């Protein structure tokens, strides 16, 4: 098992738009395997490549640890694009491995339609309006340089500013490897 250090709030790579994947090679497959190891070790449900220092347009999802979703298989999404969102929006409490220990209610579309490529670079389509849709939207945001805290009410965000600064400065205890603060 190889654990990759997770980038934290404030790290520049998390604000950059991810670059399209053009080939699936051993290097990418190793990255994906290590991303799964890292995500599972940190008890996450999703992880975007930029959260482990890669600029590739890749994220992974595994919601099988959640009650009612035990039969869901781990998934890999390359070059994803959300092409439709439901008009119905719902609140849901979210957390993030790059913003450890903070949670906030985020309002997002209940359902989505996603176009992505699989590991054979074949185009696939996924439509969902449950937990999978929520996790996909969260990880998709990462690939576009957006944090969940940027989607909450301004007053709520103000309350989190001190905690976000502590995370950015690495002044918190985290039980998984994190990337050193970029200088």
N, C-alpha and C. Protein backbone atom coordinates (compact mmCIF):
# COMPACT_ATOMS: atom_id res chain seq x y z
N UNK A 1 0.84 -1.18 0.00
CA UNK A 1 0.00 0.00 0.00
C UNK A 1 0.89 1.24 0.00
N UNK A 2 0.61 2.15 -0.92
CA UNK A 2 1.35 3.40 -0.99
C UNK A 2 0.39 4.54 -0.69
N UNK A 3 0.72 5.31 0.33
CA UNK A 3 -0.09 6.47 0.70
C UNK A 3 0.57 7.73 0.17
N UNK A 4 -0.21 8.53 -0.51
CA UNK A 4 0.28 9.80 -1.04
C UNK A 4 -0.08 10.92 -0.06
N UNK A 5 0.76 11.92 0.08
CA UNK A 5 0.40 13.04 0.94
C UNK A 5 -0.73 13.85 0.31
N UNK A 6 -1.70 14.21 1.12
CA UNK A 6 -2.85 14.96 0.64
C UNK A 6 -2.55 16.45 0.74
N UNK A 7 -2.83 17.16 -0.34
CA UNK A 7 -2.66 18.61 -0.35
C UNK A 7 -3.78 19.23 0.48
N UNK A 8 -3.49 20.33 1.13
CA UNK A 8 -4.47 20.96 2.01
C UNK A 8 -4.89 22.32 1.49
N UNK A 9 -6.01 22.77 2.01
CA UNK A 9 -6.56 24.09 1.70
C UNK A 9 -5.43 25.12 1.69
N UNK A 10 -5.40 25.91 0.64
CA UNK A 10 -4.37 26.94 0.49
C UNK A 10 -3.27 26.55 -0.48
N UNK A 11 -3.12 25.24 -0.78
CA UNK A 11 -2.10 24.80 -1.72
C UNK A 11 -2.50 25.19 -3.15
N UNK A 12 -1.59 25.76 -3.88
CA UNK A 12 -1.87 26.33 -5.20
C UNK A 12 -2.46 25.32 -6.19
N UNK A 13 -2.00 24.07 -6.17
CA UNK A 13 -2.49 23.10 -7.15
C UNK A 13 -3.99 22.88 -7.02
N UNK A 14 -4.54 23.11 -5.85
CA UNK A 14 -5.97 22.91 -5.64
C UNK A 14 -6.82 24.00 -6.28
N UNK A 15 -6.21 25.07 -6.70
CA UNK A 15 -6.95 26.16 -7.35
C UNK A 15 -6.78 26.16 -8.87
N UNK A 16 -6.01 25.21 -9.38
CA UNK A 16 -5.77 25.15 -10.83
C UNK A 16 -6.75 24.17 -11.49
N UNK A 17 -7.13 24.49 -12.71
CA UNK A 17 -7.98 23.58 -13.48
C UNK A 17 -7.14 22.39 -13.93
N UNK A 18 -7.68 21.19 -13.76
CA UNK A 18 -6.96 19.96 -14.11
C UNK A 18 -6.78 19.84 -15.62
N UNK A 19 -5.73 19.10 -16.01
CA UNK A 19 -5.40 18.90 -17.42
C UNK A 19 -5.95 17.57 -17.92
N UNK A 20 -6.44 17.59 -19.12
CA UNK A 20 -7.06 16.40 -19.72
C UNK A 20 -6.07 15.23 -19.80
N UNK A 21 -6.59 14.04 -19.55
CA UNK A 21 -5.82 12.80 -19.67
C UNK A 21 -5.93 12.33 -21.12
N UNK A 22 -4.78 12.09 -21.77
CA UNK A 22 -4.78 11.65 -23.17
C UNK A 22 -4.39 10.19 -23.31
N UNK A 23 -3.73 9.63 -22.28
CA UNK A 23 -3.37 8.22 -22.37
C UNK A 23 -3.38 7.60 -20.97
N UNK A 24 -3.73 6.34 -20.95
CA UNK A 24 -3.71 5.58 -19.71
C UNK A 24 -2.49 4.68 -19.78
N UNK A 25 -1.51 4.99 -18.95
CA UNK A 25 -0.26 4.21 -18.94
C UNK A 25 -0.01 3.70 -17.52
N UNK A 26 1.11 3.04 -17.34
CA UNK A 26 1.45 2.48 -16.02
C UNK A 26 1.53 3.57 -14.95
N UNK A 27 2.04 4.72 -15.33
CA UNK A 27 2.18 5.82 -14.37
C UNK A 27 0.81 6.27 -13.86
N UNK A 28 -0.15 6.41 -14.78
CA UNK A 28 -1.49 6.81 -14.38
C UNK A 28 -2.17 5.72 -13.56
N UNK A 29 -2.00 4.47 -13.95
CA UNK A 29 -2.61 3.37 -13.20
C UNK A 29 -2.04 3.29 -11.78
N UNK A 30 -0.75 3.55 -11.63
CA UNK A 30 -0.13 3.57 -10.30
C UNK A 30 -0.70 4.72 -9.49
N UNK A 31 -0.84 5.88 -10.11
CA UNK A 31 -1.43 7.04 -9.43
C UNK A 31 -2.83 6.67 -8.92
N UNK A 32 -3.64 6.08 -9.76
CA UNK A 32 -5.02 5.73 -9.38
C UNK A 32 -5.04 4.72 -8.24
N UNK A 33 -4.21 3.70 -8.33
CA UNK A 33 -4.14 2.70 -7.25
C UNK A 33 -3.73 3.37 -5.95
N UNK A 34 -2.72 4.24 -6.01
CA UNK A 34 -2.26 4.93 -4.82
C UNK A 34 -3.32 5.91 -4.29
N UNK A 35 -4.10 6.50 -5.19
CA UNK A 35 -5.19 7.38 -4.77
C UNK A 35 -6.22 6.58 -3.96
N UNK A 36 -6.56 5.37 -4.44
CA UNK A 36 -7.51 4.54 -3.69
C UNK A 36 -6.94 4.19 -2.31
N UNK A 37 -5.66 3.80 -2.25
CA UNK A 37 -5.03 3.49 -0.96
C UNK A 37 -5.11 4.69 -0.02
N UNK A 38 -4.79 5.85 -0.56
CA UNK A 38 -4.77 7.09 0.21
C UNK A 38 -6.16 7.46 0.70
N UNK A 39 -7.14 7.39 -0.19
CA UNK A 39 -8.52 7.74 0.16
C UNK A 39 -9.07 6.80 1.23
N UNK A 40 -8.87 5.50 1.03
CA UNK A 40 -9.37 4.54 2.02
C UNK A 40 -8.69 4.72 3.38
N UNK A 41 -7.39 4.97 3.38
CA UNK A 41 -6.66 5.19 4.63
C UNK A 41 -7.21 6.39 5.39
N UNK A 42 -7.64 7.41 4.66
CA UNK A 42 -8.15 8.64 5.28
C UNK A 42 -9.66 8.60 5.48
N UNK A 43 -10.29 7.46 5.18
CA UNK A 43 -11.74 7.30 5.33
C UNK A 43 -12.54 8.27 4.48
N UNK A 44 -12.06 8.51 3.26
CA UNK A 44 -12.79 9.37 2.33
C UNK A 44 -13.69 8.57 1.42
N UNK A 45 -14.58 9.29 0.74
CA UNK A 45 -15.48 8.68 -0.25
C UNK A 45 -15.09 9.05 -1.67
N UNK A 46 -14.27 10.08 -1.80
CA UNK A 46 -13.84 10.53 -3.11
C UNK A 46 -12.50 11.23 -2.98
N UNK A 47 -11.78 11.28 -4.08
CA UNK A 47 -10.47 11.95 -4.08
C UNK A 47 -10.14 12.36 -5.51
N UNK A 48 -9.80 13.63 -5.67
CA UNK A 48 -9.39 14.15 -6.97
C UNK A 48 -7.86 14.13 -7.05
N UNK A 49 -7.34 13.99 -8.26
CA UNK A 49 -5.89 13.87 -8.44
C UNK A 49 -5.13 15.07 -7.88
N UNK A 50 -5.70 16.27 -7.99
CA UNK A 50 -4.97 17.43 -7.47
C UNK A 50 -4.87 17.41 -5.94
N UNK A 51 -5.69 16.61 -5.30
CA UNK A 51 -5.60 16.48 -3.84
C UNK A 51 -4.37 15.67 -3.42
N UNK A 52 -3.74 15.01 -4.37
CA UNK A 52 -2.49 14.30 -4.09
C UNK A 52 -1.35 14.83 -4.97
N UNK A 53 -1.51 16.06 -5.45
CA UNK A 53 -0.43 16.75 -6.14
C UNK A 53 -0.32 16.53 -7.63
N UNK A 54 -1.30 15.87 -8.26
CA UNK A 54 -1.27 15.65 -9.70
C UNK A 54 -2.23 16.61 -10.39
N UNK A 55 -1.83 17.09 -11.57
CA UNK A 55 -2.70 18.01 -12.30
C UNK A 55 -3.61 17.31 -13.31
N UNK A 56 -3.74 16.00 -13.23
CA UNK A 56 -4.55 15.22 -14.17
C UNK A 56 -6.05 15.35 -13.85
N UNK A 57 -6.87 15.31 -14.90
CA UNK A 57 -8.32 15.35 -14.76
C UNK A 57 -8.85 13.96 -14.43
N UNK A 58 -8.65 13.58 -13.17
CA UNK A 58 -9.02 12.25 -12.67
C UNK A 58 -9.58 12.40 -11.27
N UNK A 59 -10.68 11.71 -11.02
CA UNK A 59 -11.08 11.53 -9.63
C UNK A 59 -11.64 10.14 -9.44
N UNK A 60 -11.62 9.69 -8.18
CA UNK A 60 -12.11 8.36 -7.83
C UNK A 60 -13.22 8.51 -6.79
N UNK A 61 -14.09 7.51 -6.75
CA UNK A 61 -15.19 7.50 -5.80
C UNK A 61 -15.39 6.07 -5.31
N UNK A 62 -15.59 5.95 -4.00
CA UNK A 62 -15.97 4.66 -3.43
C UNK A 62 -16.90 4.96 -2.25
N UNK A 63 -18.20 4.73 -2.47
CA UNK A 63 -19.19 5.00 -1.42
C UNK A 63 -19.69 3.70 -0.78
N UNK A 64 -18.99 2.60 -1.01
CA UNK A 64 -19.43 1.30 -0.51
C UNK A 64 -19.40 1.18 1.01
N UNK A 65 -18.74 2.10 1.69
CA UNK A 65 -18.69 2.06 3.16
C UNK A 65 -19.92 2.72 3.78
N UNK A 66 -20.76 3.33 2.96
CA UNK A 66 -21.95 4.03 3.44
C UNK A 66 -23.14 3.08 3.45
N UNK A 67 -23.85 3.08 4.55
CA UNK A 67 -25.03 2.21 4.68
C UNK A 67 -25.99 2.45 3.51
N UNK A 68 -26.40 1.35 2.90
CA UNK A 68 -27.30 1.43 1.76
C UNK A 68 -26.59 1.45 0.42
N UNK A 69 -25.27 1.61 0.45
CA UNK A 69 -24.48 1.69 -0.79
C UNK A 69 -23.39 0.62 -0.82
N UNK A 70 -23.53 -0.39 0.01
CA UNK A 70 -22.49 -1.42 0.16
C UNK A 70 -22.17 -2.14 -1.15
N UNK A 71 -23.13 -2.21 -2.06
CA UNK A 71 -22.91 -2.94 -3.32
C UNK A 71 -22.30 -2.07 -4.42
N UNK A 72 -22.12 -0.78 -4.13
CA UNK A 72 -21.50 0.12 -5.11
C UNK A 72 -20.03 -0.25 -5.30
N UNK A 73 -19.60 -0.29 -6.52
CA UNK A 73 -18.20 -0.60 -6.83
C UNK A 73 -17.39 0.71 -6.84
N UNK A 74 -16.11 0.63 -6.49
CA UNK A 74 -15.25 1.81 -6.64
C UNK A 74 -15.21 2.24 -8.11
N UNK A 75 -15.14 3.54 -8.33
CA UNK A 75 -15.19 4.07 -9.70
C UNK A 75 -14.04 5.04 -9.95
N UNK A 76 -13.63 5.05 -11.22
CA UNK A 76 -12.60 5.98 -11.69
C UNK A 76 -13.21 6.82 -12.81
N UNK A 77 -13.01 8.13 -12.74
CA UNK A 77 -13.55 9.04 -13.73
C UNK A 77 -12.41 9.84 -14.35
N UNK A 78 -12.24 9.72 -15.66
CA UNK A 78 -11.23 10.49 -16.38
C UNK A 78 -11.94 11.56 -17.21
N UNK A 79 -11.38 12.74 -17.23
CA UNK A 79 -11.89 13.85 -18.04
C UNK A 79 -13.40 14.05 -17.90
N UNK A 80 -13.91 14.11 -16.68
CA UNK A 80 -15.35 14.22 -16.48
C UNK A 80 -15.89 15.61 -16.81
N UNK A 81 -17.14 15.64 -17.27
CA UNK A 81 -17.84 16.89 -17.52
C UNK A 81 -19.30 16.70 -17.09
N UNK A 82 -19.77 17.54 -16.19
CA UNK A 82 -21.18 17.52 -15.83
C UNK A 82 -21.92 18.26 -16.93
N UNK A 83 -22.82 17.55 -17.61
CA UNK A 83 -23.53 18.14 -18.75
C UNK A 83 -24.97 18.54 -18.42
N UNK A 84 -25.50 18.01 -17.31
CA UNK A 84 -26.84 18.39 -16.87
C UNK A 84 -26.89 18.36 -15.36
N UNK A 85 -27.68 19.29 -14.82
CA UNK A 85 -27.94 19.33 -13.38
C UNK A 85 -29.44 19.48 -13.19
N UNK A 86 -29.97 18.82 -12.20
CA UNK A 86 -31.41 18.96 -11.92
C UNK A 86 -31.69 20.35 -11.39
N UNK A 87 -32.92 20.80 -11.61
CA UNK A 87 -33.31 22.09 -11.05
C UNK A 87 -33.48 21.99 -9.54
N UNK A 88 -33.88 20.81 -9.08
CA UNK A 88 -34.05 20.60 -7.65
C UNK A 88 -32.69 20.60 -6.97
N UNK A 89 -32.59 21.42 -5.93
CA UNK A 89 -31.35 21.50 -5.18
C UNK A 89 -31.62 21.04 -3.75
N UNK A 90 -30.62 20.37 -3.15
CA UNK A 90 -30.79 19.87 -1.78
C UNK A 90 -29.56 20.19 -0.94
N UNK A 91 -29.78 20.45 0.35
CA UNK A 91 -28.64 20.67 1.25
C UNK A 91 -28.12 19.33 1.75
N UNK A 92 -26.81 19.28 2.01
CA UNK A 92 -26.18 18.07 2.52
C UNK A 92 -24.88 18.48 3.18
N UNK A 93 -24.59 17.90 4.32
CA UNK A 93 -23.34 18.23 5.01
C UNK A 93 -22.16 17.56 4.31
N UNK A 94 -21.16 18.36 3.95
CA UNK A 94 -19.98 17.84 3.27
C UNK A 94 -18.73 18.09 4.10
N UNK A 95 -17.75 17.24 3.87
CA UNK A 95 -16.42 17.39 4.42
C UNK A 95 -15.43 17.18 3.29
N UNK A 96 -14.15 17.28 3.58
CA UNK A 96 -13.15 17.16 2.53
C UNK A 96 -11.81 16.77 3.15
N UNK A 97 -11.11 15.85 2.50
CA UNK A 97 -9.81 15.43 3.00
C UNK A 97 -8.78 16.56 2.94
N UNK A 98 -8.99 17.54 2.06
CA UNK A 98 -8.08 18.69 1.97
C UNK A 98 -8.47 19.81 2.95
N UNK A 99 -9.61 19.63 3.61
CA UNK A 99 -10.06 20.57 4.64
C UNK A 99 -10.48 19.72 5.84
N UNK A 100 -9.51 19.04 6.46
CA UNK A 100 -9.85 18.09 7.51
C UNK A 100 -10.57 18.72 8.69
N UNK A 101 -11.47 17.93 9.26
CA UNK A 101 -12.20 18.26 10.48
C UNK A 101 -13.24 19.35 10.31
N UNK A 102 -13.40 19.92 9.14
CA UNK A 102 -14.45 20.92 8.93
C UNK A 102 -15.56 20.32 8.09
N UNK A 103 -16.78 20.63 8.47
CA UNK A 103 -17.93 20.19 7.71
C UNK A 103 -18.86 21.38 7.60
N UNK A 104 -19.62 21.40 6.50
CA UNK A 104 -20.60 22.47 6.32
C UNK A 104 -21.69 21.99 5.38
N UNK A 105 -22.86 22.57 5.55
CA UNK A 105 -23.98 22.24 4.69
C UNK A 105 -23.82 22.97 3.36
N UNK A 106 -23.89 22.19 2.28
CA UNK A 106 -23.74 22.73 0.92
C UNK A 106 -25.00 22.40 0.14
N UNK A 107 -25.54 23.38 -0.56
CA UNK A 107 -26.71 23.16 -1.41
C UNK A 107 -26.20 22.91 -2.83
N UNK A 108 -26.59 21.76 -3.38
CA UNK A 108 -26.18 21.39 -4.74
C UNK A 108 -27.38 20.80 -5.47
N UNK A 109 -27.28 20.71 -6.80
CA UNK A 109 -28.33 20.01 -7.55
C UNK A 109 -28.46 18.57 -7.04
N UNK A 110 -29.70 18.11 -6.93
CA UNK A 110 -29.94 16.74 -6.45
C UNK A 110 -29.39 15.71 -7.44
N UNK A 111 -29.60 15.98 -8.72
CA UNK A 111 -29.18 15.02 -9.74
C UNK A 111 -28.26 15.63 -10.78
N UNK A 112 -27.49 14.76 -11.41
CA UNK A 112 -26.57 15.19 -12.46
C UNK A 112 -26.51 14.16 -13.58
N UNK A 113 -26.02 14.62 -14.70
CA UNK A 113 -25.64 13.73 -15.80
C UNK A 113 -24.19 14.05 -16.09
N UNK A 114 -23.36 13.01 -16.06
CA UNK A 114 -21.92 13.17 -16.22
C UNK A 114 -21.46 12.40 -17.44
N UNK A 115 -20.63 13.04 -18.26
CA UNK A 115 -19.93 12.37 -19.35
C UNK A 115 -18.47 12.27 -18.90
N UNK A 116 -17.90 11.09 -19.04
CA UNK A 116 -16.52 10.88 -18.62
C UNK A 116 -15.90 9.77 -19.46
N UNK A 117 -14.62 9.53 -19.25
CA UNK A 117 -13.95 8.42 -19.91
C UNK A 117 -13.55 7.39 -18.87
N UNK A 118 -13.61 6.13 -19.27
CA UNK A 118 -13.18 5.05 -18.39
C UNK A 118 -11.69 4.80 -18.61
N UNK A 119 -11.17 3.75 -18.02
CA UNK A 119 -9.73 3.48 -18.12
C UNK A 119 -9.29 3.02 -19.50
N UNK A 120 -10.23 2.72 -20.38
CA UNK A 120 -9.92 2.42 -21.78
C UNK A 120 -10.10 3.67 -22.65
N UNK A 121 -10.33 4.79 -22.02
CA UNK A 121 -10.61 6.08 -22.67
C UNK A 121 -11.89 6.03 -23.52
N UNK A 122 -12.79 5.14 -23.16
CA UNK A 122 -14.10 5.07 -23.81
C UNK A 122 -15.04 6.02 -23.10
N UNK A 123 -15.80 6.78 -23.88
CA UNK A 123 -16.74 7.72 -23.29
C UNK A 123 -17.89 6.97 -22.63
N UNK A 124 -18.23 7.41 -21.45
CA UNK A 124 -19.32 6.82 -20.66
C UNK A 124 -20.23 7.95 -20.20
N UNK A 125 -21.43 7.55 -19.81
CA UNK A 125 -22.41 8.50 -19.30
C UNK A 125 -22.97 7.94 -18.00
N UNK A 126 -23.16 8.80 -17.04
CA UNK A 126 -23.72 8.39 -15.75
C UNK A 126 -24.75 9.42 -15.33
N UNK A 127 -25.91 8.93 -14.90
CA UNK A 127 -26.94 9.80 -14.35
C UNK A 127 -27.24 9.30 -12.95
N UNK A 128 -27.28 10.21 -11.98
CA UNK A 128 -27.55 9.81 -10.61
C UNK A 128 -28.17 10.98 -9.87
N UNK A 129 -28.98 10.65 -8.85
CA UNK A 129 -29.57 11.69 -8.02
C UNK A 129 -29.53 11.32 -6.54
N UNK A 130 -28.51 10.56 -6.18
CA UNK A 130 -28.34 10.17 -4.78
C UNK A 130 -26.95 10.57 -4.30
N UNK A 131 -26.42 9.80 -3.35
CA UNK A 131 -25.12 10.11 -2.77
C UNK A 131 -24.01 10.18 -3.83
N UNK A 132 -24.04 9.28 -4.80
CA UNK A 132 -23.02 9.27 -5.84
C UNK A 132 -22.97 10.63 -6.56
N UNK A 133 -24.13 11.19 -6.86
CA UNK A 133 -24.18 12.50 -7.53
C UNK A 133 -23.52 13.57 -6.67
N UNK A 134 -23.76 13.51 -5.37
CA UNK A 134 -23.18 14.49 -4.45
C UNK A 134 -21.66 14.39 -4.44
N UNK A 135 -21.14 13.17 -4.30
CA UNK A 135 -19.70 12.97 -4.23
C UNK A 135 -19.05 13.38 -5.56
N UNK A 136 -19.68 13.01 -6.67
CA UNK A 136 -19.16 13.39 -7.99
C UNK A 136 -19.07 14.91 -8.11
N UNK A 137 -20.11 15.62 -7.70
CA UNK A 137 -20.09 17.08 -7.81
C UNK A 137 -18.95 17.68 -6.97
N UNK A 138 -18.75 17.14 -5.79
CA UNK A 138 -17.68 17.62 -4.91
C UNK A 138 -16.31 17.42 -5.56
N UNK A 139 -16.07 16.20 -6.08
CA UNK A 139 -14.77 15.91 -6.71
C UNK A 139 -14.60 16.66 -8.02
N UNK A 140 -15.66 16.79 -8.78
CA UNK A 140 -15.63 17.55 -10.03
C UNK A 140 -15.21 19.01 -9.74
N UNK A 141 -15.77 19.56 -8.68
CA UNK A 141 -15.36 20.92 -8.28
C UNK A 141 -13.86 20.99 -8.07
N UNK A 142 -13.29 19.99 -7.40
CA UNK A 142 -11.84 19.99 -7.17
C UNK A 142 -11.07 20.12 -8.49
N UNK A 143 -11.50 19.38 -9.50
CA UNK A 143 -10.80 19.43 -10.79
C UNK A 143 -10.89 20.81 -11.45
N UNK A 144 -11.84 21.61 -10.97
CA UNK A 144 -12.01 22.96 -11.50
C UNK A 144 -11.54 24.03 -10.51
N UNK A 145 -10.81 23.60 -9.48
CA UNK A 145 -10.23 24.55 -8.54
C UNK A 145 -11.21 25.15 -7.54
N UNK A 146 -12.31 24.43 -7.26
CA UNK A 146 -13.34 24.95 -6.36
C UNK A 146 -13.45 24.06 -5.11
N UNK A 147 -13.49 24.70 -3.94
CA UNK A 147 -13.70 23.99 -2.67
C UNK A 147 -15.16 24.07 -2.27
N UNK A 148 -15.60 23.08 -1.51
CA UNK A 148 -16.99 23.10 -1.05
C UNK A 148 -17.29 24.33 -0.21
N UNK A 149 -16.30 24.85 0.51
CA UNK A 149 -16.55 26.03 1.35
C UNK A 149 -16.83 27.28 0.51
N UNK A 150 -16.51 27.23 -0.77
CA UNK A 150 -16.82 28.36 -1.66
C UNK A 150 -18.28 28.31 -2.10
N UNK A 151 -18.99 27.26 -1.72
CA UNK A 151 -20.39 27.09 -2.10
C UNK A 151 -21.35 27.28 -0.91
N UNK A 152 -20.80 27.74 0.21
CA UNK A 152 -21.66 27.94 1.37
C UNK A 152 -21.96 29.43 1.56
N UNK A 153 -22.93 29.70 2.43
CA UNK A 153 -23.32 31.08 2.71
C UNK A 153 -22.12 31.87 3.24
N UNK A 154 -22.06 33.14 2.89
CA UNK A 154 -20.96 34.01 3.30
C UNK A 154 -20.80 34.06 4.82
N UNK A 155 -21.92 34.13 5.54
CA UNK A 155 -21.85 34.18 7.00
C UNK A 155 -21.24 32.90 7.56
N UNK A 156 -21.60 31.77 7.00
CA UNK A 156 -21.04 30.49 7.44
C UNK A 156 -19.54 30.43 7.14
N UNK A 157 -19.15 30.91 5.96
CA UNK A 157 -17.75 30.90 5.58
C UNK A 157 -16.92 31.78 6.53
N UNK A 158 -17.47 32.90 6.94
CA UNK A 158 -16.76 33.79 7.88
C UNK A 158 -16.46 33.05 9.18
N UNK A 159 -17.39 32.21 9.62
CA UNK A 159 -17.21 31.46 10.86
C UNK A 159 -16.08 30.43 10.74
N UNK A 160 -15.79 30.01 9.52
CA UNK A 160 -14.77 28.99 9.29
C UNK A 160 -13.38 29.55 9.01
N UNK A 161 -13.27 30.86 8.84
CA UNK A 161 -12.00 31.48 8.42
C UNK A 161 -10.82 31.10 9.32
N UNK A 162 -10.99 31.14 10.64
CA UNK A 162 -9.89 30.81 11.55
C UNK A 162 -9.46 29.36 11.37
N UNK A 163 -10.43 28.47 11.27
CA UNK A 163 -10.12 27.05 11.10
C UNK A 163 -9.44 26.81 9.76
N UNK A 164 -9.87 27.48 8.72
CA UNK A 164 -9.25 27.33 7.40
C UNK A 164 -7.80 27.82 7.44
N UNK A 165 -7.54 28.89 8.17
CA UNK A 165 -6.18 29.40 8.30
C UNK A 165 -5.30 28.39 9.02
N UNK A 166 -5.83 27.74 10.07
CA UNK A 166 -5.06 26.72 10.79
C UNK A 166 -4.72 25.56 9.85
N UNK A 167 -5.68 25.17 9.03
CA UNK A 167 -5.43 24.08 8.08
C UNK A 167 -4.35 24.50 7.09
N UNK A 168 -4.49 25.68 6.55
CA UNK A 168 -3.52 26.20 5.58
C UNK A 168 -2.12 26.25 6.18
N UNK A 169 -2.02 26.59 7.45
CA UNK A 169 -0.73 26.70 8.13
C UNK A 169 -0.25 25.38 8.73
N UNK A 170 -1.04 24.30 8.51
CA UNK A 170 -0.69 22.96 9.03
C UNK A 170 -0.64 22.93 10.56
N UNK A 171 -1.51 23.70 11.20
CA UNK A 171 -1.55 23.75 12.66
C UNK A 171 -2.72 22.91 13.20
N UNK A 172 -2.86 21.72 12.65
CA UNK A 172 -3.91 20.80 13.07
C UNK A 172 -3.32 19.39 13.12
N UNK A 173 -3.97 18.55 13.87
CA UNK A 173 -3.56 17.15 13.94
C UNK A 173 -4.38 16.34 12.95
N UNK A 174 -3.70 15.66 12.05
CA UNK A 174 -4.37 14.85 11.03
C UNK A 174 -3.73 13.47 11.07
N UNK A 175 -4.55 12.45 10.98
CA UNK A 175 -4.01 11.09 11.08
C UNK A 175 -3.76 10.44 9.72
N UNK A 176 -3.51 11.27 8.71
CA UNK A 176 -3.08 10.76 7.41
C UNK A 176 -2.00 11.69 6.86
N UNK A 177 -1.17 11.18 5.93
CA UNK A 177 -0.08 12.00 5.41
C UNK A 177 -0.59 13.24 4.65
N UNK A 178 0.03 14.38 4.92
CA UNK A 178 -0.32 15.60 4.20
C UNK A 178 0.94 16.19 3.57
N UNK A 179 0.73 16.87 2.47
CA UNK A 179 1.85 17.50 1.77
C UNK A 179 2.38 18.67 2.60
N UNK A 180 3.69 18.91 2.55
CA UNK A 180 4.22 20.07 3.28
C UNK A 180 3.66 21.35 2.67
N UNK A 181 3.59 22.37 3.47
CA UNK A 181 3.10 23.66 3.00
C UNK A 181 4.02 24.19 1.92
N UNK A 182 3.44 24.56 0.78
CA UNK A 182 4.23 25.11 -0.32
C UNK A 182 4.75 26.47 0.08
N UNK A 183 5.98 26.75 -0.35
CA UNK A 183 6.59 28.04 0.01
C UNK A 183 6.51 28.99 -1.13
